[in-house]
PDB file of all heavy atoms in Angstrom:
ATOM      1  N   TYR A   1      82.538 116.665  84.143  1.00  0.00           N
ATOM      2  CA  TYR A   1      82.491 116.712  82.680  1.00  0.00           C
ATOM      3  C   TYR A   1      83.907 116.992  82.213  1.00  0.00           C
ATOM      4  O   TYR A   1      84.608 117.845  82.776  1.00  0.00           O
ATOM      5  CB  TYR A   1      81.552 117.806  82.183  1.00  0.00           C
ATOM      6  CG  TYR A   1      81.743 118.140  80.725  1.00  0.00           C
ATOM      7  CD1 TYR A   1      81.463 117.190  79.739  1.00  0.00           C
ATOM      8  CD2 TYR A   1      82.236 119.381  80.327  1.00  0.00           C
ATOM      9  CE1 TYR A   1      81.660 117.484  78.390  1.00  0.00           C
ATOM     10  CE2 TYR A   1      82.429 119.679  78.988  1.00  0.00           C
ATOM     11  CZ  TYR A   1      82.145 118.736  78.024  1.00  0.00           C
ATOM     12  OH  TYR A   1      82.347 119.013  76.689  1.00  0.00           O
ATOM     13  N   SER A   2      84.349 116.266  81.189  1.00  0.00           N
ATOM     14  CA  SER A   2      85.708 116.449  80.683  1.00  0.00           C
ATOM     15  C   SER A   2      85.681 116.516  79.174  1.00  0.00           C
ATOM     16  O   SER A   2      85.183 115.595  78.518  1.00  0.00           O
ATOM     17  CB  SER A   2      86.615 115.300  81.152  1.00  0.00           C
ATOM     18  OG  SER A   2      87.962 115.545  80.805  1.00  0.00           O
ATOM     19  N   TYR A   3      86.190 117.610  78.629  1.00  0.00           N
ATOM     20  CA  TYR A   3      86.245 117.768  77.170  1.00  0.00           C
ATOM     21  C   TYR A   3      87.612 117.373  76.622  1.00  0.00           C
ATOM     22  O   TYR A   3      87.719 116.626  75.655  1.00  0.00           O
ATOM     23  CB  TYR A   3      85.923 119.213  76.798  1.00  0.00           C
ATOM     24  CG  TYR A   3      85.967 119.487  75.309  1.00  0.00           C
ATOM     25  CD1 TYR A   3      85.162 118.776  74.420  1.00  0.00           C
ATOM     26  CD2 TYR A   3      86.822 120.469  74.795  1.00  0.00           C
ATOM     27  CE1 TYR A   3      85.201 119.026  73.053  1.00  0.00           C
ATOM     28  CE2 TYR A   3      86.868 120.725  73.436  1.00  0.00           C
ATOM     29  CZ  TYR A   3      86.062 120.006  72.565  1.00  0.00           C
ATOM     30  OH  TYR A   3      86.107 120.253  71.206  1.00  0.00           O
ATOM     31  N   THR A   4      88.663 117.849  77.273  1.00  0.00           N
ATOM     32  CA  THR A   4      90.016 117.558  76.792  1.00  0.00           C
ATOM     33  C   THR A   4      90.658 116.375  77.500  1.00  0.00           C
ATOM     34  O   THR A   4      91.707 115.908  77.076  1.00  0.00           O
ATOM     35  CB  THR A   4      90.924 118.795  76.993  1.00  0.00           C
ATOM     36  OG1 THR A   4      91.048 119.048  78.397  1.00  0.00           O
ATOM     37  CG2 THR A   4      90.338 120.020  76.289  1.00  0.00           C
ATOM     38  N   GLY A   5      90.057 115.912  78.578  1.00  0.00           N
ATOM     39  CA  GLY A   5      90.626 114.814  79.356  1.00  0.00           C
ATOM     40  C   GLY A   5      91.278 115.265  80.645  1.00  0.00           C
ATOM     41  O   GLY A   5      91.584 114.428  81.512  1.00  0.00           O
ATOM     42  N   ASN A   6      91.484 116.574  80.825  1.00  0.00           N
ATOM     43  CA  ASN A   6      92.131 117.058  82.044  1.00  0.00           C
ATOM     44  C   ASN A   6      91.279 116.785  83.284  1.00  0.00           C
ATOM     45  O   ASN A   6      91.795 116.379  84.333  1.00  0.00           O
ATOM     46  CB  ASN A   6      92.413 118.562  81.926  1.00  0.00           C
ATOM     47  CG  ASN A   6      93.567 118.862  80.985  1.00  0.00           C
ATOM     48  OD1 ASN A   6      94.466 118.040  80.816  1.00  0.00           O
ATOM     49  ND2 ASN A   6      93.553 120.028  80.369  1.00  0.00           N
ATOM     50  N   CYS A   7      89.975 117.009  83.178  1.00  0.00           N
ATOM     51  CA  CYS A   7      89.107 116.769  84.333  1.00  0.00           C
ATOM     52  C   CYS A   7      89.021 115.279  84.651  1.00  0.00           C
ATOM     53  O   CYS A   7      88.892 114.897  85.818  1.00  0.00           O
ATOM     54  CB  CYS A   7      87.713 117.344  84.077  1.00  0.00           C
ATOM     55  SG  CYS A   7      87.645 119.149  84.220  1.00  0.00           S
ATOM     56  N   ARG A   8      89.107 114.449  83.626  1.00  0.00           N
ATOM     57  CA  ARG A   8      89.092 113.001  83.873  1.00  0.00           C
ATOM     58  C   ARG A   8      90.329 112.591  84.675  1.00  0.00           C
ATOM     59  O   ARG A   8      90.242 111.736  85.571  1.00  0.00           O
ATOM     60  CB  ARG A   8      89.028 112.247  82.546  1.00  0.00           C
ATOM     61  CG  ARG A   8      88.869 110.731  82.716  1.00  0.00           C
ATOM     62  CD  ARG A   8      88.622 110.038  81.396  1.00  0.00           C
ATOM     63  NE  ARG A   8      87.297 110.373  80.870  1.00  0.00           N
ATOM     64  CZ  ARG A   8      87.080 111.183  79.828  1.00  0.00           C
ATOM     65  NH1 ARG A   8      88.113 111.734  79.198  1.00  0.00           N
ATOM     66  NH2 ARG A   8      85.857 111.428  79.427  1.00  0.00           N
ATOM     67  N   GLU A   9      91.482 113.182  84.384  1.00  0.00           N
ATOM     68  CA  GLU A   9      92.691 112.891  85.149  1.00  0.00           C
ATOM     69  C   GLU A   9      92.547 113.346  86.603  1.00  0.00           C
ATOM     70  O   GLU A   9      93.008 112.661  87.524  1.00  0.00           O
ATOM     71  CB  GLU A   9      93.895 113.573  84.496  1.00  0.00           C
ATOM     72  CG  GLU A   9      94.282 112.978  83.149  1.00  0.00           C
ATOM     73  CD  GLU A   9      95.484 113.676  82.543  1.00  0.00           C
ATOM     74  OE1 GLU A   9      96.050 114.564  83.224  1.00  0.00           O
ATOM     75  OE2 GLU A   9      95.858 113.338  81.400  1.00  0.00           O
ATOM     76  N   ILE A  10      91.894 114.485  86.803  1.00  0.00           N
ATOM     77  CA  ILE A  10      91.651 114.970  88.160  1.00  0.00           C
ATOM     78  C   ILE A  10      90.779 113.975  88.926  1.00  0.00           C
ATOM     79  O   ILE A  10      91.042 113.646  90.079  1.00  0.00           O
ATOM     80  CB  ILE A  10      90.995 116.365  88.122  1.00  0.00           C
ATOM     81  CG1 ILE A  10      91.988 117.407  87.599  1.00  0.00           C
ATOM     82  CG2 ILE A  10      90.475 116.761  89.506  1.00  0.00           C
ATOM     83  CD1 ILE A  10      91.372 118.764  87.309  1.00  0.00           C
ATOM     84  N   VAL A  11      89.747 113.476  88.268  1.00  0.00           N
ATOM     85  CA  VAL A  11      88.837 112.520  88.900  1.00  0.00           C
ATOM     86  C   VAL A  11      89.568 111.223  89.224  1.00  0.00           C
ATOM     87  O   VAL A  11      89.366 110.628  90.281  1.00  0.00           O
ATOM     88  CB  VAL A  11      87.614 112.264  88.004  1.00  0.00           C
ATOM     89  CG1 VAL A  11      86.764 111.119  88.548  1.00  0.00           C
ATOM     90  CG2 VAL A  11      86.783 113.529  87.894  1.00  0.00           C
ATOM     91  N   ASN A  12      90.430 110.782  88.333  1.00  0.00           N
ATOM     92  CA  ASN A  12      91.204 109.565  88.601  1.00  0.00           C
ATOM     93  C   ASN A  12      92.084 109.741  89.842  1.00  0.00           C
ATOM     94  O   ASN A  12      92.235 108.816  90.651  1.00  0.00           O
ATOM     95  CB  ASN A  12      92.057 109.210  87.386  1.00  0.00           C
ATOM     96  CG  ASN A  12      91.226 108.671  86.233  1.00  0.00           C
ATOM     97  OD1 ASN A  12      90.114 108.183  86.435  1.00  0.00           O
ATOM     98  ND2 ASN A  12      91.757 108.765  85.027  1.00  0.00           N
ATOM     99  N   SER A  13      92.652 110.930  89.989  1.00  0.00           N
ATOM    100  CA  SER A  13      93.458 111.201  91.173  1.00  0.00           C
ATOM    101  C   SER A  13      92.594 111.231  92.425  1.00  0.00           C
ATOM    102  O   SER A  13      92.974 110.696  93.478  1.00  0.00           O
ATOM    103  CB  SER A  13      94.191 112.533  91.014  1.00  0.00           C
ATOM    104  OG  SER A  13      95.019 112.793  92.129  1.00  0.00           O
ATOM    105  N   LEU A  14      91.395 111.820  92.325  1.00  0.00           N
ATOM    106  CA  LEU A  14      90.466 111.829  93.446  1.00  0.00           C
ATOM    107  C   LEU A  14      90.127 110.406  93.879  1.00  0.00           C
ATOM    108  O   LEU A  14      90.125 110.084  95.071  1.00  0.00           O
ATOM    109  CB  LEU A  14      89.186 112.556  93.052  1.00  0.00           C
ATOM    110  CG  LEU A  14      89.081 114.055  93.325  1.00  0.00           C
ATOM    111  CD1 LEU A  14      87.827 114.619  92.665  1.00  0.00           C
ATOM    112  CD2 LEU A  14      89.069 114.335  94.822  1.00  0.00           C
ATOM    113  N   ARG A  15      89.835 109.555  92.916  1.00  0.00           N
ATOM    114  CA  ARG A  15      89.421 108.183  93.218  1.00  0.00           C
ATOM    115  C   ARG A  15      90.536 107.387  93.871  1.00  0.00           C
ATOM    116  O   ARG A  15      90.270 106.408  94.584  1.00  0.00           O
ATOM    117  CB  ARG A  15      88.958 107.480  91.940  1.00  0.00           C
ATOM    118  CG  ARG A  15      87.698 108.064  91.340  1.00  0.00           C
ATOM    119  CD  ARG A  15      87.218 107.278  90.167  1.00  0.00           C
ATOM    120  NE  ARG A  15      86.636 106.002  90.566  1.00  0.00           N
ATOM    121  CZ  ARG A  15      86.116 105.121  89.715  1.00  0.00           C
ATOM    122  NH1 ARG A  15      86.125 105.387  88.401  1.00  0.00           N
ATOM    123  NH2 ARG A  15      85.602 103.991  90.138  1.00  0.00           N
ATOM    124  N   SER A  16      91.779 107.769  93.622  1.00  0.00           N
ATOM    125  CA  SER A  16      92.889 107.068  94.264  1.00  0.00           C
ATOM    126  C   SER A  16      93.079 107.506  95.708  1.00  0.00           C
ATOM    127  O   SER A  16      93.801 106.858  96.467  1.00  0.00           O
ATOM    128  CB  SER A  16      94.188 107.313  93.477  1.00  0.00           C
ATOM    129  OG  SER A  16      94.642 108.645  93.648  1.00  0.00           O
ATOM    130  N   GLN A  17      92.412 108.604  96.084  1.00  0.00           N
ATOM    131  CA  GLN A  17      92.622 109.144  97.424  1.00  0.00           C
ATOM    132  C   GLN A  17      91.413 109.016  98.343  1.00  0.00           C
ATOM    133  O   GLN A  17      91.559 109.027  99.566  1.00  0.00           O
ATOM    134  CB  GLN A  17      93.015 110.625  97.317  1.00  0.00           C
ATOM    135  CG  GLN A  17      94.289 110.851  96.517  1.00  0.00           C
ATOM    136  CD  GLN A  17      94.733 112.299  96.545  1.00  0.00           C
ATOM    137  OE1 GLN A  17      94.718 112.935  97.585  1.00  0.00           O
ATOM    138  NE2 GLN A  17      95.136 112.825  95.402  1.00  0.00           N
ATOM    139  N   ILE A  18      90.219 108.934  97.787  1.00  0.00           N
ATOM    140  CA  ILE A  18      89.013 108.812  98.610  1.00  0.00           C
ATOM    141  C   ILE A  18      88.099 107.740  98.018  1.00  0.00           C
ATOM    142  O   ILE A  18      88.234 107.356  96.853  1.00  0.00           O
ATOM    143  CB  ILE A  18      88.234 110.145  98.698  1.00  0.00           C
ATOM    144  CG1 ILE A  18      87.754 110.595  97.303  1.00  0.00           C
ATOM    145  CG2 ILE A  18      89.053 111.212  99.376  1.00  0.00           C
ATOM    146  CD1 ILE A  18      86.833 111.797  97.337  1.00  0.00           C
ATOM    147  N   THR A  19      87.164 107.282  98.820  1.00  0.00           N
ATOM    148  CA  THR A  19      86.144 106.362  98.348  1.00  0.00           C
ATOM    149  C   THR A  19      84.954 107.173  97.863  1.00  0.00           C
ATOM    150  O   THR A  19      84.356 107.930  98.645  1.00  0.00           O
ATOM    151  CB  THR A  19      85.701 105.412  99.474  1.00  0.00           C
ATOM    152  OG1 THR A  19      86.838 104.655  99.912  1.00  0.00           O
ATOM    153  CG2 THR A  19      84.615 104.463  98.987  1.00  0.00           C
ATOM    154  N   ALA A  20      84.620 107.053  96.598  1.00  0.00           N
ATOM    155  CA  ALA A  20      83.538 107.847  96.026  1.00  0.00           C
ATOM    156  C   ALA A  20      82.976 107.169  94.793  1.00  0.00           C
ATOM    157  O   ALA A  20      83.694 106.472  94.068  1.00  0.00           O
ATOM    158  CB  ALA A  20      84.033 109.251  95.669  1.00  0.00           C
ATOM    159  N   ASP A  21      81.698 107.367  94.559  1.00  0.00           N
ATOM    160  CA  ASP A  21      81.099 106.999  93.289  1.00  0.00           C
ATOM    161  C   ASP A  21      81.341 108.128  92.302  1.00  0.00           C
ATOM    162  O   ASP A  21      81.555 109.285  92.696  1.00  0.00           O
ATOM    163  CB  ASP A  21      79.590 106.758  93.441  1.00  0.00           C
ATOM    164  CG  ASP A  21      79.292 105.546  94.311  1.00  0.00           C
ATOM    165  OD1 ASP A  21      80.163 104.667  94.399  1.00  0.00           O
ATOM    166  OD2 ASP A  21      78.193 105.484  94.884  1.00  0.00           O
ATOM    167  N   VAL A  22      81.296 107.807  91.009  1.00  0.00           N
ATOM    168  CA  VAL A  22      81.617 108.797  89.978  1.00  0.00           C
ATOM    169  C   VAL A  22      80.507 108.839  88.941  1.00  0.00           C
ATOM    170  O   VAL A  22      80.022 107.807  88.481  1.00  0.00           O
ATOM    171  CB  VAL A  22      82.969 108.477  89.298  1.00  0.00           C
ATOM    172  CG1 VAL A  22      83.219 109.426  88.127  1.00  0.00           C
ATOM    173  CG2 VAL A  22      84.104 108.584  90.302  1.00  0.00           C
ATOM    174  N   LEU A  23      80.124 110.048  88.562  1.00  0.00           N
ATOM    175  CA  LEU A  23      79.129 110.276  87.518  1.00  0.00           C
ATOM    176  C   LEU A  23      79.739 111.195  86.468  1.00  0.00           C
ATOM    177  O   LEU A  23      80.127 112.328  86.775  1.00  0.00           O
ATOM    178  CB  LEU A  23      77.865 110.925  88.106  1.00  0.00           C
ATOM    179  CG  LEU A  23      76.833 111.457  87.104  1.00  0.00           C
ATOM    180  CD1 LEU A  23      76.278 110.337  86.237  1.00  0.00           C
ATOM    181  CD2 LEU A  23      75.715 112.203  87.829  1.00  0.00           C
ATOM    182  N   GLU A  24      79.844 110.708  85.229  1.00  0.00           N
ATOM    183  CA  GLU A  24      80.349 111.533  84.134  1.00  0.00           C
ATOM    184  C   GLU A  24      79.188 112.107  83.346  1.00  0.00           C
ATOM    185  O   GLU A  24      78.280 111.384  82.930  1.00  0.00           O
ATOM    186  CB  GLU A  24      81.260 110.727  83.199  1.00  0.00           C
ATOM    187  CG  GLU A  24      81.808 111.586  82.060  1.00  0.00           C
ATOM    188  CD  GLU A  24      82.771 110.839  81.145  1.00  0.00           C
ATOM    189  OE1 GLU A  24      82.866 109.593  81.291  1.00  0.00           O
ATOM    190  OE2 GLU A  24      83.408 111.485  80.292  1.00  0.00           O
ATOM    191  N   ILE A  25      79.209 113.407  83.114  1.00  0.00           N
ATOM    192  CA  ILE A  25      78.181 114.093  82.335  1.00  0.00           C
ATOM    193  C   ILE A  25      78.627 114.144  80.880  1.00  0.00           C
ATOM    194  O   ILE A  25      79.757 114.531  80.583  1.00  0.00           O
ATOM    195  CB  ILE A  25      77.941 115.514  82.869  1.00  0.00           C
ATOM    196  CG1 ILE A  25      77.650 115.478  84.369  1.00  0.00           C
ATOM    197  CG2 ILE A  25      76.804 116.192  82.114  1.00  0.00           C
ATOM    198  CD1 ILE A  25      76.493 114.590  84.758  1.00  0.00           C
ATOM    199  N   GLN A  26      77.722 113.767  79.981  1.00  0.00           N
ATOM    200  CA  GLN A  26      78.043 113.729  78.562  1.00  0.00           C
ATOM    201  C   GLN A  26      77.048 114.577  77.774  1.00  0.00           C
ATOM    202  O   GLN A  26      75.843 114.553  78.056  1.00  0.00           O
ATOM    203  CB  GLN A  26      77.965 112.285  78.032  1.00  0.00           C
ATOM    204  CG  GLN A  26      79.018 111.360  78.586  1.00  0.00           C
ATOM    205  CD  GLN A  26      80.322 111.454  77.811  1.00  0.00           C
ATOM    206  OE1 GLN A  26      80.494 112.318  76.966  1.00  0.00           O
ATOM    207  NE2 GLN A  26      81.238 110.547  78.094  1.00  0.00           N
ATOM    208  N   PRO A  27      77.515 115.349  76.774  1.00  0.00           N
ATOM    209  CA  PRO A  27      76.575 116.110  75.937  1.00  0.00           C
ATOM    210  C   PRO A  27      75.756 115.169  75.066  1.00  0.00           C
ATOM    211  O   PRO A  27      76.230 114.100  74.669  1.00  0.00           O
ATOM    212  CB  PRO A  27      77.499 116.994  75.095  1.00  0.00           C
ATOM    213  CG  PRO A  27      78.793 116.234  75.033  1.00  0.00           C
ATOM    214  CD  PRO A  27      78.911 115.529  76.359  1.00  0.00           C
ATOM    215  N   ALA A  28      74.537 115.557  74.760  1.00  0.00           N
ATOM    216  CA  ALA A  28      73.688 114.732  73.892  1.00  0.00           C
ATOM    217  C   ALA A  28      74.247 114.697  72.475  1.00  0.00           C
ATOM    218  O   ALA A  28      74.177 113.670  71.795  1.00  0.00           O
ATOM    219  CB  ALA A  28      72.259 115.261  73.896  1.00  0.00           C
ATOM    220  N   GLU A  29      74.793 115.815  72.023  1.00  0.00           N
ATOM    221  CA  GLU A  29      75.400 115.882  70.683  1.00  0.00           C
ATOM    222  C   GLU A  29      76.879 115.527  70.813  1.00  0.00           C
ATOM    223  O   GLU A  29      77.657 116.276  71.399  1.00  0.00           O
ATOM    224  CB  GLU A  29      75.250 117.282  70.082  1.00  0.00           C
ATOM    225  CG  GLU A  29      73.934 117.518  69.384  1.00  0.00           C
ATOM    226  CD  GLU A  29      73.980 118.774  68.535  1.00  0.00           C
ATOM    227  OE1 GLU A  29      74.362 118.686  67.349  1.00  0.00           O
ATOM    228  OE2 GLU A  29      73.628 119.837  69.060  1.00  0.00           O
ATOM    229  N   LYS A  30      77.238 114.401  70.249  1.00  0.00           N
ATOM    230  CA  LYS A  30      78.618 113.942  70.337  1.00  0.00           C
ATOM    231  C   LYS A  30      79.459 114.536  69.204  1.00  0.00           C
ATOM    232  O   LYS A  30      78.958 114.892  68.135  1.00  0.00           O
ATOM    233  CB  LYS A  30      78.663 112.414  70.272  1.00  0.00           C
ATOM    234  CG  LYS A  30      77.796 111.721  71.334  1.00  0.00           C
ATOM    235  CD  LYS A  30      78.261 112.051  72.746  1.00  0.00           C
ATOM    236  CE  LYS A  30      77.555 111.180  73.789  1.00  0.00           C
ATOM    237  NZ  LYS A  30      76.134 111.496  73.927  1.00  0.00           N
TER     238      LYS A  30
END
């Protein structure tokens, strides 16, 4: 889950280093 975008950058770095599927969690209230 990423609110400010920092966690999304971490995930992008992870994906460049390992093979993995990705699931993003989103709040129901946008």
